[in-house]
Amino acid sequence: MTRFRYSIATILQSFGLHRKMKRMTEAAYELHLMQEGEQFLGSFCWPGAEEIEEISMEYWTIRRIERERTALEEKIVEANKLLTEAHVARTTVTDRSKDIGQELYNEREKLFLSLEELNSQRDDIMANAQQIKRRFEALKTKAKVLKEEGAGEGEAYQKTREVLEGLRGQFTDFKSKLSELDAQIDTEQEKLAKLQEGIDAKLKGNKDQASETFGQISKANRDITKSKAELGLLTDEYARLCREVGRYLNLNAREQQCKEACREHRGLLEQIRLLRRSIQWNKRIVERAGS
């Protein structure tokens, strides 16, 4: 809301046109935008906040997370490199032993393809679930604000709750599908292990090399999955801390230390400041309408 729109809304109120629900919905939406902006501001400006005592804990925690994230990303890169090398070695062993149990090799390749497809489906479900989670959190914030501002029985609040329930159901479905996929993956891996035992028995001289290669593939996949899970948790914590830093910088933008920290991102800070002022104006109009 601009100053001009605020003036017009104030004038319209004097004639009995309040549009209270519109103002409340707009404030909730702008609050969500402001919080996202504060997160971006924090992620850009935290390196310059070392001397700001009030957010010292957040600053040092973010520094630690940055280091840990870098280490995990390096682990993932290294594990992917080892995985690629193991797949090359697997191909080499397979090519060298094409005349031994070709039927078993074909069956094994089918299992590999099945596992790759299942893992791909799992990644898709995880990505969709993350999107649902982000949307759920945004709508949850909106519903909370509407309720706090007295719109708990309003149409916008009720619709928001309905969407939240739908998202909660979708998230539950994703969890169920994920459990089913994990069970399928475990079953396919068991089949693969038993099949490999049969292949190894025929390979004789290649048994140790083949087993080592498949062990490397399995270990690399486990390491990648574990590191990505840890990285996801760190990323969520990083985002939360950046929001805290950004919020402080936003609320204390006139302080010299905050000005220095945000020196390279004054445009973003100004946009957040305008959103904050617009939210205040919308709330003021709502309060007048309720008085």
Protein backbone atom coordinates (compact mmCIF):
# COMPACT_ATOMS: atom_id res chain seq x y z
CA MET A 1 0.00 0.00 0.00
CA THR A 2 1.33 3.41 -1.00
CA ARG A 3 0.78 6.63 0.91
CA PHE A 4 -1.72 7.70 -1.79
CA ARG A 5 -3.74 4.48 -1.44
CA TYR A 6 -3.68 4.83 2.35
CA SER A 7 -5.05 8.35 2.06
CA ILE A 8 -7.80 7.21 -0.32
CA ALA A 9 -8.73 4.29 1.99
CA THR A 10 -8.91 6.67 4.95
CA ILE A 11 -11.20 9.00 3.03
CA LEU A 12 -13.42 6.12 1.93
CA GLN A 13 -13.70 4.99 5.56
CA SER A 14 -15.16 8.36 6.47
CA PHE A 15 -17.98 7.55 4.02
CA GLY A 16 -18.56 4.12 5.57
CA LEU A 17 -16.62 2.03 3.01
CA HIS A 18 -14.28 -0.02 5.18
CA ARG A 19 -13.29 -3.09 3.07
CA LYS A 20 -11.93 -4.59 6.28
CA MET A 21 -11.45 -8.13 4.91
CA LYS A 22 -9.49 -6.86 1.92
CA ARG A 23 -7.17 -4.89 4.20
CA MET A 24 -6.61 -7.91 6.49
CA THR A 25 -5.90 -10.27 3.58
CA GLU A 26 -3.54 -7.76 2.01
CA ALA A 27 -1.69 -7.33 5.31
CA ALA A 28 -1.28 -11.10 5.70
CA TYR A 29 0.06 -11.45 2.15
CA GLU A 30 2.45 -8.54 2.62
CA LEU A 31 3.63 -10.04 5.91
CA HIS A 32 4.58 -13.23 4.08
CA LEU A 33 6.44 -11.21 1.42
CA MET A 34 8.22 -9.19 4.09
CA GLN A 35 9.36 -12.32 5.92
CA GLU A 36 10.73 -13.74 2.67
CA GLY A 37 12.47 -10.44 2.01
CA GLU A 38 13.96 -10.47 5.52
CA GLN A 39 15.31 -13.97 4.85
CA PHE A 40 16.98 -12.80 1.63
CA LEU A 41 18.32 -9.71 3.40
CA GLY A 42 19.77 -11.85 6.17
CA SER A 43 21.37 -14.28 3.71
CA PHE A 44 23.01 -11.37 1.86
CA CYS A 45 24.02 -9.21 4.82
CA TRP A 46 24.92 -11.56 7.69
CA PRO A 47 28.69 -11.43 6.88
CA GLY A 48 28.65 -7.74 7.84
CA ALA A 49 26.86 -8.30 11.16
CA GLU A 50 29.78 -9.66 13.17
CA GLU A 51 29.98 -6.62 15.46
CA ILE A 52 26.23 -6.38 16.13
CA GLU A 53 25.92 -7.84 19.62
CA GLU A 54 22.14 -8.45 19.51
CA ILE A 55 22.48 -10.97 16.66
CA SER A 56 25.92 -12.28 17.57
CA MET A 57 24.63 -15.79 18.29
CA GLU A 58 22.87 -15.95 14.90
CA TYR A 59 25.99 -14.65 13.15
CA TRP A 60 28.34 -17.27 14.61
CA THR A 61 25.81 -20.08 14.14
CA ILE A 62 25.45 -19.15 10.47
CA ARG A 63 29.23 -19.16 10.10
CA ARG A 64 29.34 -22.65 11.56
CA ILE A 65 26.53 -23.82 9.28
CA GLU A 66 28.29 -22.32 6.23
CA ARG A 67 31.38 -24.36 7.05
CA GLU A 68 29.38 -27.54 7.64
CA ARG A 69 27.36 -27.02 4.44
CA THR A 70 30.55 -26.61 2.43
CA ALA A 71 31.95 -29.81 3.93
CA LEU A 72 28.76 -31.74 3.13
CA GLU A 73 28.66 -30.41 -0.43
CA GLU A 74 32.25 -31.57 -0.88
CA LYS A 75 31.29 -34.99 0.49
CA ILE A 76 28.43 -35.21 -2.00
CA VAL A 77 30.72 -34.25 -4.89
CA GLU A 78 33.30 -36.83 -3.79
CA ALA A 79 30.63 -39.53 -3.33
CA ASN A 80 29.23 -38.80 -6.80
CA LYS A 81 32.74 -39.10 -8.22
CA LEU A 82 33.23 -42.46 -6.52
CA LEU A 83 29.79 -43.55 -7.70
CA THR A 84 30.67 -42.71 -11.30
CA GLU A 85 33.96 -44.59 -11.03
CA ALA A 86 32.18 -47.58 -9.51
CA HIS A 87 29.64 -47.63 -12.34
CA VAL A 88 32.50 -47.55 -14.86
CA ALA A 89 34.15 -50.44 -13.03
CA ARG A 90 30.84 -52.28 -13.01
CA THR A 91 30.57 -51.87 -16.77
CA THR A 92 34.13 -53.10 -17.20
CA VAL A 93 33.46 -56.24 -15.18
CA THR A 94 30.23 -56.83 -17.05
CA ASP A 95 31.87 -56.44 -20.46
CA ARG A 96 34.68 -58.78 -19.49
CA SER A 97 32.26 -61.48 -18.45
CA LYS A 98 29.55 -61.23 -21.10
CA ASP A 99 29.80 -64.90 -21.86
CA ILE A 100 29.10 -65.91 -18.26
CA GLY A 101 25.48 -66.10 -17.25
CA GLN A 102 24.12 -63.57 -19.75
CA GLU A 103 20.60 -64.19 -18.55
CA LEU A 104 21.62 -63.28 -15.01
CA TYR A 105 23.27 -60.09 -16.26
CA ASN A 106 20.13 -59.08 -18.10
CA GLU A 107 18.07 -59.66 -14.99
CA ARG A 108 20.52 -57.66 -12.94
CA GLU A 109 20.38 -54.74 -15.38
CA LYS A 110 16.60 -54.77 -15.10
CA LEU A 111 16.94 -54.54 -11.33
CA PHE A 112 19.36 -51.63 -11.68
CA LEU A 113 16.91 -49.83 -13.95
CA SER A 114 14.07 -50.57 -11.54
CA LEU A 115 16.07 -49.17 -8.62
CA GLU A 116 17.01 -46.06 -10.56
CA GLU A 117 13.35 -45.49 -11.45
CA LEU A 118 12.25 -46.00 -7.86
CA ASN A 119 14.92 -43.62 -6.58
CA SER A 120 13.87 -41.07 -9.20
CA GLN A 121 10.26 -41.35 -8.03
CA ARG A 122 11.42 -40.94 -4.45
CA ASP A 123 13.33 -37.75 -5.33
CA ASP A 124 10.23 -36.37 -7.10
CA ILE A 125 8.05 -37.10 -4.08
CA MET A 126 10.57 -35.45 -1.74
CA ALA A 127 10.70 -32.36 -3.98
CA ASN A 128 6.88 -32.13 -4.15
CA ALA A 129 6.60 -32.62 -0.40
CA GLN A 130 9.06 -29.77 0.16
CA GLN A 131 6.98 -27.48 -2.06
CA ILE A 132 3.82 -28.46 -0.16
CA LYS A 133 5.61 -27.77 3.12
CA ARG A 134 6.67 -24.28 2.02
CA ARG A 135 3.14 -23.44 0.85
CA PHE A 136 1.67 -24.88 4.07
CA GLU A 137 3.94 -22.68 6.22
CA ALA A 138 3.00 -19.57 4.23
CA LEU A 139 -0.75 -20.25 4.55
CA LYS A 140 -0.33 -21.16 8.21
CA THR A 141 1.19 -17.74 8.81
CA LYS A 142 -1.66 -16.11 6.92
CA ALA A 143 -4.30 -17.98 8.97
CA LYS A 144 -2.54 -17.06 12.22
CA VAL A 145 -2.45 -13.38 11.32
CA LEU A 146 -6.10 -13.37 10.23
CA LYS A 147 -7.14 -15.05 13.47
CA GLU A 148 -5.09 -12.67 15.60
CA GLU A 149 -6.74 -9.76 13.84
CA GLY A 150 -10.23 -11.05 14.57
CA ALA A 151 -11.04 -12.63 11.22
CA GLY A 152 -11.27 -16.17 12.57
CA GLU A 153 -14.81 -16.56 11.29
CA GLY A 154 -14.27 -14.73 8.00
CA GLU A 155 -14.41 -16.25 4.53
CA ALA A 156 -10.70 -15.69 3.84
CA TYR A 157 -9.74 -17.45 7.08
CA GLN A 158 -12.09 -20.40 6.45
CA LYS A 159 -10.84 -20.82 2.87
CA THR A 160 -7.25 -20.70 4.13
CA ARG A 161 -8.02 -23.41 6.70
CA GLU A 162 -9.63 -25.56 4.00
CA VAL A 163 -6.55 -25.23 1.80
CA LEU A 164 -4.35 -26.06 4.82
CA GLU A 165 -6.35 -29.23 5.47
CA GLY A 166 -6.01 -30.19 1.81
CA LEU A 167 -2.25 -29.62 1.92
CA ARG A 168 -2.01 -31.64 5.13
CA GLY A 169 -3.78 -34.50 3.39
CA GLN A 170 -1.45 -34.24 0.39
CA PHE A 171 1.56 -34.30 2.70
CA THR A 172 0.19 -37.42 4.43
CA ASP A 173 -0.27 -39.07 1.02
CA PHE A 174 3.32 -38.22 0.12
CA LYS A 175 4.54 -39.82 3.36
CA SER A 176 2.54 -42.94 2.62
CA LYS A 177 3.88 -43.14 -0.94
CA LEU A 178 7.40 -42.56 0.35
CA SER A 179 7.06 -45.48 2.79
CA GLU A 180 5.80 -47.72 -0.02
CA LEU A 181 8.69 -46.71 -2.27
CA ASP A 182 11.23 -47.32 0.50
CA ALA A 183 9.79 -50.81 0.99
CA GLN A 184 9.98 -51.47 -2.77
CA ILE A 185 13.57 -50.21 -2.89
CA ASP A 186 14.53 -52.50 0.02
CA THR A 187 12.89 -55.46 -1.74
CA GLU A 188 14.67 -54.73 -5.04
CA GLN A 189 18.01 -54.35 -3.26
CA GLU A 190 17.51 -57.72 -1.56
CA LYS A 191 16.77 -59.28 -4.97
CA LEU A 192 19.87 -57.62 -6.37
CA ALA A 193 22.04 -58.94 -3.54
CA LYS A 194 20.79 -62.51 -4.05
CA LEU A 195 21.18 -62.24 -7.80
CA GLN A 196 24.70 -60.95 -7.38
CA GLU A 197 25.52 -63.97 -5.26
CA GLY A 198 24.48 -66.20 -8.18
CA ILE A 199 26.52 -64.12 -10.63
CA ASP A 200 29.55 -64.16 -8.32
CA ALA A 201 29.38 -67.94 -8.12
CA LYS A 202 29.69 -68.07 -11.92
CA LEU A 203 32.25 -65.35 -12.22
CA LYS A 204 34.74 -67.17 -9.99
CA GLY A 205 37.85 -65.11 -10.61
CA ASN A 206 35.82 -61.90 -10.97
CA LYS A 207 33.82 -62.46 -7.80
CA ASP A 208 35.86 -60.32 -5.45
CA GLN A 209 36.15 -57.45 -7.89
CA ALA A 210 32.46 -57.46 -8.72
CA SER A 211 31.42 -57.59 -5.06
CA GLU A 212 33.75 -54.73 -4.22
CA THR A 213 32.37 -52.68 -7.10
CA PHE A 214 28.74 -53.17 -6.09
CA GLY A 215 29.67 -52.50 -2.49
CA GLN A 216 31.20 -49.20 -3.56
CA ILE A 217 28.03 -48.28 -5.46
CA SER A 218 25.86 -49.09 -2.46
CA LYS A 219 28.11 -47.17 -0.07
CA ALA A 220 28.31 -44.15 -2.37
CA ASN A 221 24.51 -44.06 -2.67
CA ARG A 222 24.13 -44.29 1.11
CA ASP A 223 26.71 -41.54 1.65
CA ILE A 224 24.96 -39.27 -0.87
CA THR A 225 21.54 -39.85 0.71
CA LYS A 226 22.86 -39.24 4.23
CA SER A 227 24.77 -36.10 3.27
CA LYS A 228 21.77 -34.68 1.37
CA ALA A 229 19.53 -35.28 4.39
CA GLU A 230 22.00 -33.52 6.71
CA LEU A 231 22.38 -30.70 4.18
CA GLY A 232 18.60 -30.27 4.07
CA LEU A 233 18.42 -29.86 7.86
CA LEU A 234 21.26 -27.36 7.83
CA THR A 235 19.61 -25.42 5.00
CA ASP A 236 16.37 -25.13 6.99
CA GLU A 237 18.27 -23.90 10.06
CA TYR A 238 20.27 -21.50 7.89
CA ALA A 239 17.05 -20.04 6.46
CA ARG A 240 15.57 -19.58 9.95
CA LEU A 241 18.67 -17.77 11.21
CA CYS A 242 18.82 -15.57 8.11
CA ARG A 243 15.21 -14.55 8.76
CA GLU A 244 16.17 -13.57 12.31
CA VAL A 245 19.15 -11.54 11.10
CA GLY A 246 17.11 -9.91 8.33
CA ARG A 247 14.30 -9.05 10.74
CA TYR A 248 16.72 -7.35 13.14
CA LEU A 249 18.36 -5.39 10.32
CA ASN A 250 14.91 -4.37 9.07
CA LEU A 251 13.66 -3.19 12.46
CA ASN A 252 16.90 -1.37 13.27
CA ALA A 253 17.75 -0.05 9.82
CA ARG A 254 18.59 3.44 11.15
CA GLU A 255 21.38 2.20 13.41
CA GLN A 256 24.86 2.77 12.02
CA GLN A 257 25.99 -0.85 12.39
CA CYS A 258 22.90 -2.04 10.51
CA LYS A 259 23.46 0.53 7.78
CA GLU A 260 27.01 -0.75 7.34
CA ALA A 261 25.85 -4.39 7.20
CA CYS A 262 23.21 -3.56 4.54
CA ARG A 263 25.34 -1.11 2.57
CA GLU A 264 25.40 -3.27 -0.58
CA HIS A 265 21.70 -4.13 -0.41
CA ARG A 266 19.96 -0.86 0.42
CA GLY A 267 17.44 -1.38 -2.38
CA LEU A 268 16.20 -4.65 -0.85
CA LEU A 269 16.10 -3.08 2.61
CA GLU A 270 14.03 -0.20 1.26
CA GLN A 271 11.53 -2.61 -0.33
CA ILE A 272 11.17 -4.47 2.98
CA ARG A 273 10.74 -1.18 4.81
CA LEU A 274 7.95 -0.17 2.42
CA LEU A 275 6.21 -3.51 2.96
CA ARG A 276 6.44 -3.05 6.72
CA ARG A 277 4.94 0.43 6.47
CA SER A 278 2.16 -0.87 4.21
CA ILE A 279 1.34 -3.62 6.73
CA GLN A 280 1.13 -1.02 9.49
CA TRP A 281 -1.19 1.15 7.41
CA ASN A 282 -3.45 -1.79 6.57
CA LYS A 283 -3.64 -2.75 10.25
CA ARG A 284 -4.40 0.85 11.21
CA ILE A 285 -7.29 0.93 8.75
CA VAL A 286 -8.59 -2.40 10.11
CA GLU A 287 -8.39 -1.10 13.68
CA ARG A 288 -10.36 1.98 12.74
CA ALA A 289 -12.97 -0.14 11.00
CA GLY A 290 -13.39 -2.22 14.14
CA SER A 291 -13.62 0.72 16.52
